[in-house]
Protein backbone atom coordinates (compact mmCIF):
# COMPACT_ATOMS: atom_id res chain seq x y z
CA MET A 1 29.56 205.86 22.68
CA ILE A 2 25.93 206.36 23.58
CA ILE A 3 23.39 205.80 20.82
CA GLU A 4 20.90 208.62 20.89
CA GLU A 5 17.29 207.81 20.09
CA ASN A 6 16.88 210.46 17.40
CA LYS A 7 20.09 209.57 15.53
CA PRO A 8 20.11 206.85 12.86
CA LEU A 9 22.45 203.93 13.55
CA SER A 10 24.38 204.49 10.30
CA ARG A 11 25.27 208.03 11.41
CA THR A 12 26.42 206.74 14.80
CA ILE A 13 28.59 204.08 13.14
CA SER A 14 30.13 206.59 10.72
CA GLU A 15 30.89 208.98 13.60
CA GLY A 16 32.53 206.10 15.45
CA LEU A 17 34.68 205.23 12.42
CA ILE A 18 35.70 208.85 12.00
CA THR A 19 36.62 209.08 15.69
CA PHE A 20 38.61 205.84 15.50
CA THR A 21 40.49 207.11 12.43
CA ILE A 22 41.31 210.40 14.15
CA VAL A 23 42.61 208.57 17.22
CA VAL A 24 44.80 206.25 15.11
CA LEU A 25 46.21 209.18 13.15
CA TYR A 26 46.82 211.09 16.39
CA TYR A 27 48.77 208.21 17.94
CA ALA A 28 50.89 207.83 14.78
CA TYR A 29 51.58 211.58 14.70
CA ALA A 30 52.26 211.90 18.43
CA GLY A 31 54.39 208.73 18.37
CA TRP A 32 56.55 210.24 15.65
CA VAL A 33 57.02 213.38 17.77
CA LEU A 34 57.75 211.35 20.92
CA ALA A 35 60.39 209.32 19.08
CA TYR A 36 62.21 212.50 18.08
CA LEU A 37 61.99 213.98 21.57
CA TRP A 38 63.14 210.71 23.15
CA ASN A 39 66.11 210.43 20.81
CA TRP A 40 67.09 214.06 21.41
CA PHE A 41 66.79 214.16 25.20
CA ILE A 42 66.59 210.66 26.72
CA THR A 43 69.13 208.80 24.56
CA PRO A 44 72.05 211.01 25.72
CA LEU A 45 71.30 209.80 29.25
CA GLY A 46 72.06 206.22 28.21
CA ALA A 47 68.66 204.93 27.08
CA PRO A 48 68.42 203.15 23.72
CA LEU A 49 67.17 204.83 20.56
CA ILE A 50 63.49 204.22 19.82
CA ASN A 51 61.43 204.40 16.65
CA SER A 52 57.86 205.63 16.20
CA VAL A 53 56.34 202.19 16.85
CA TRP A 54 58.09 201.92 20.21
CA ALA A 55 57.01 205.47 21.01
CA ILE A 56 53.38 204.58 20.28
CA GLY A 57 53.74 201.61 22.63
CA ILE A 58 55.10 203.88 25.35
CA MET A 59 52.17 206.24 24.82
CA PHE A 60 49.68 203.35 25.06
CA THR A 61 51.34 202.18 28.26
CA PHE A 62 51.11 205.56 29.95
CA SER A 63 47.61 206.19 28.59
CA SER A 64 46.39 202.93 30.10
CA MET A 65 47.82 203.93 33.47
CA LYS A 66 46.17 207.34 33.27
CA GLY A 67 42.74 205.87 32.61
CA ILE A 68 39.91 207.05 30.42
CA GLN A 69 38.92 210.67 30.66
CA ILE A 70 35.41 211.53 29.63
CA ALA A 71 35.02 215.01 28.19
CA PRO A 72 31.96 217.03 29.15
CA ARG A 73 29.14 216.95 26.61
CA ASP A 74 29.24 220.70 26.04
CA ARG A 75 32.90 220.63 25.02
CA ASP A 76 33.61 221.72 21.46
CA ASP A 77 34.99 218.84 19.35
CA ARG A 78 36.84 221.28 17.09
CA LEU A 79 38.74 222.65 20.10
CA GLN A 80 39.69 219.13 21.17
CA ILE A 81 40.92 218.22 17.66
CA ALA A 82 42.90 221.48 17.46
CA SER A 83 44.49 220.70 20.81
CA MET A 84 45.37 217.16 19.71
CA THR A 85 46.92 218.53 16.53
CA LEU A 86 48.86 221.44 17.98
CA SER A 87 50.18 219.98 21.25
CA PRO A 88 52.69 217.53 19.72
CA ILE A 89 53.98 219.99 17.12
CA ILE A 90 54.45 222.69 19.78
CA ALA A 91 56.34 220.19 21.94
CA LEU A 92 58.52 219.24 18.95
CA ALA A 93 59.21 222.89 18.13
CA LEU A 94 60.14 223.72 21.74
CA GLY A 95 62.28 220.59 21.94
CA TYR A 96 64.08 221.57 18.75
CA ILE A 97 64.75 225.07 20.09
CA ILE A 98 66.12 223.64 23.36
CA LYS A 99 68.22 221.05 21.51
CA THR A 100 69.76 223.49 19.04
CA ASN A 101 70.33 226.40 21.44
CA PHE A 102 71.07 224.89 24.82
CA MET A 103 72.66 221.46 24.26
C-alpha cells in the first residue's frame, strides 16, 4: 500500500484494516465453497474429503504460485468486491446444478 501525501496516516491504516478484513472474509467464504465443490467432484475420484480449513490452505498454495496481481489504479473497488462476492457463489450454484442433474 502506498501512503499518499495528502491522506492522513490514520485513514491509510483504517483502509488497510478494512482491506485485510475483506480478504480474510473472502478466503473463509471461498474456502467454504471450494470444500463443497471438492467433496462433490474430486472425492468420487478417490481423493479424501476436505473441510473449509484445508480448502483455504489449498487456495493459499495456488495463490502463492500465481503471484501477486496488481490492479490498475483506475479500477473500481466496488466492481472488484462484487466480483469477489459473486464468483464463488456462482461456481457453487453451477456445481450444484451439475451435481444434481448430471451425476
